[in-house]
Amino acid sequence: MDHRPHDPDSDRLSETELDELRRNLSRLSSDGVERFYREAHANCVVERRPSPKVIQQLVTAWRVLRGWNWR
């Protein structure tokens, strides 16, 4: 059996994927981005050991929400 070492970069979004996620989130309504954020947040619970990809999604959604100057 071929045992390959785990590649941690395979669990991360590339810069291109992050840019695409940012663009897609910025096109959603505030409710849509908030829903995406809440889903990403739920996936980041410690018990599940969140992957870098899930954390990147959470942070990206948070940055989009933060950039909208909520009041």
C-alpha atoms as a PDB file:
ATOM      1  CA  MET A   1       0.000   0.000   0.000  1.00  0.00           C
ATOM      2  CA  ASP A   2       1.292   3.449  -0.889  1.00  0.00           C
ATOM      3  CA  HIS A   3       1.363   5.762   2.135  1.00  0.00           C
ATOM      4  CA  ARG A   4       1.844   9.358   1.143  1.00  0.00           C
ATOM      5  CA  PRO A   5       2.526  11.989   3.765  1.00  0.00           C
ATOM      6  CA  HIS A   6      -0.357  14.376   4.345  1.00  0.00           C
ATOM      7  CA  ASP A   7       0.100  17.605   2.413  1.00  0.00           C
ATOM      8  CA  PRO A   8      -1.170  20.464   4.624  1.00  0.00           C
ATOM      9  CA  ASP A   9      -1.415  22.777   1.608  1.00  0.00           C
ATOM     10  CA  SER A  10      -4.151  20.567   0.166  1.00  0.00           C
ATOM     11  CA  ASP A  11      -6.360  21.725   3.058  1.00  0.00           C
ATOM     12  CA  ARG A  12      -5.882  25.405   2.247  1.00  0.00           C
ATOM     13  CA  LEU A  13      -7.485  27.734  -0.257  1.00  0.00           C
ATOM     14  CA  SER A  14      -5.109  29.117  -2.864  1.00  0.00           C
ATOM     15  CA  GLU A  15      -4.855  32.865  -3.392  1.00  0.00           C
ATOM     16  CA  THR A  16      -7.002  32.484  -6.510  1.00  0.00           C
ATOM     17  CA  GLU A  17      -9.665  30.568  -4.576  1.00  0.00           C
ATOM     18  CA  LEU A  18      -9.612  33.176  -1.796  1.00  0.00           C
ATOM     19  CA  ASP A  19     -10.040  35.996  -4.310  1.00  0.00           C
ATOM     20  CA  GLU A  20     -12.953  34.156  -5.919  1.00  0.00           C
ATOM     21  CA  LEU A  21     -14.576  33.556  -2.515  1.00  0.00           C
ATOM     22  CA  ARG A  22     -14.166  37.242  -1.634  1.00  0.00           C
ATOM     23  CA  ARG A  23     -15.718  38.293  -4.941  1.00  0.00           C
ATOM     24  CA  ASN A  24     -18.628  35.888  -4.561  1.00  0.00           C
ATOM     25  CA  LEU A  25     -19.327  36.961  -0.986  1.00  0.00           C
ATOM     26  CA  SER A  26     -19.235  40.642  -1.912  1.00  0.00           C
ATOM     27  CA  ARG A  27     -21.989  39.985  -4.472  1.00  0.00           C
ATOM     28  CA  LEU A  28     -24.315  38.410  -1.914  1.00  0.00           C
ATOM     29  CA  SER A  29     -26.818  40.277   0.214  1.00  0.00           C
ATOM     30  CA  SER A  30     -25.912  40.953   3.819  1.00  0.00           C
ATOM     31  CA  ASP A  31     -28.202  38.075   4.835  1.00  0.00           C
ATOM     32  CA  GLY A  32     -26.374  35.729   2.466  1.00  0.00           C
ATOM     33  CA  VAL A  33     -22.947  36.668   3.790  1.00  0.00           C
ATOM     34  CA  GLU A  34     -24.175  36.428   7.361  1.00  0.00           C
ATOM     35  CA  ARG A  35     -25.564  32.949   6.653  1.00  0.00           C
ATOM     36  CA  PHE A  36     -22.244  31.882   5.091  1.00  0.00           C
ATOM     37  CA  TYR A  37     -20.377  33.285   8.102  1.00  0.00           C
ATOM     38  CA  ARG A  38     -22.598  31.421  10.569  1.00  0.00           C
ATOM     39  CA  GLU A  39     -22.146  28.137   8.677  1.00  0.00           C
ATOM     40  CA  ALA A  40     -18.368  28.627   8.584  1.00  0.00           C
ATOM     41  CA  HIS A  41     -18.389  29.492  12.282  1.00  0.00           C
ATOM     42  CA  ALA A  42     -20.346  26.326  13.083  1.00  0.00           C
ATOM     43  CA  ASN A  43     -17.757  24.308  11.118  1.00  0.00           C
ATOM     44  CA  CYS A  44     -14.932  25.782  13.198  1.00  0.00           C
ATOM     45  CA  VAL A  45     -15.873  24.188  16.497  1.00  0.00           C
ATOM     46  CA  VAL A  46     -12.823  22.808  18.249  1.00  0.00           C
ATOM     47  CA  GLU A  47     -14.298  19.335  18.566  1.00  0.00           C
ATOM     48  CA  ARG A  48     -14.249  18.962  14.777  1.00  0.00           C
ATOM     49  CA  ARG A  49     -10.647  20.147  14.411  1.00  0.00           C
ATOM     50  CA  PRO A  50     -11.322  22.693  11.683  1.00  0.00           C
ATOM     51  CA  SER A  51      -9.142  22.603   8.611  1.00  0.00           C
ATOM     52  CA  PRO A  52      -7.228  25.680   7.464  1.00  0.00           C
ATOM     53  CA  LYS A  53      -9.702  25.936   4.565  1.00  0.00           C
ATOM     54  CA  VAL A  54     -12.694  26.299   6.902  1.00  0.00           C
ATOM     55  CA  ILE A  55     -10.902  28.910   8.989  1.00  0.00           C
ATOM     56  CA  GLN A  56      -9.971  30.834   5.824  1.00  0.00           C
ATOM     57  CA  GLN A  57     -13.650  30.831   4.813  1.00  0.00           C
ATOM     58  CA  LEU A  58     -14.681  32.154   8.233  1.00  0.00           C
ATOM     59  CA  VAL A  59     -12.071  34.927   8.220  1.00  0.00           C
ATOM     60  CA  THR A  60     -12.913  35.932   4.640  1.00  0.00           C
ATOM     61  CA  ALA A  61     -16.629  36.210   5.442  1.00  0.00           C
ATOM     62  CA  TRP A  62     -15.817  38.203   8.590  1.00  0.00           C
ATOM     63  CA  ARG A  63     -13.677  40.617   6.579  1.00  0.00           C
ATOM     64  CA  VAL A  64     -16.439  41.139   4.014  1.00  0.00           C
ATOM     65  CA  LEU A  65     -18.966  41.825   6.783  1.00  0.00           C
ATOM     66  CA  ARG A  66     -16.529  44.131   8.566  1.00  0.00           C
ATOM     67  CA  GLY A  67     -15.907  46.077   5.369  1.00  0.00           C
ATOM     68  CA  TRP A  68     -19.584  46.992   5.084  1.00  0.00           C
ATOM     69  CA  ASN A  69     -19.448  49.372   8.075  1.00  0.00           C
ATOM     70  CA  TRP A  70     -22.266  47.852  10.116  1.00  0.00           C
ATOM     71  CA  ARG A  71     -24.181  50.281  12.312  1.00  0.00           C
END
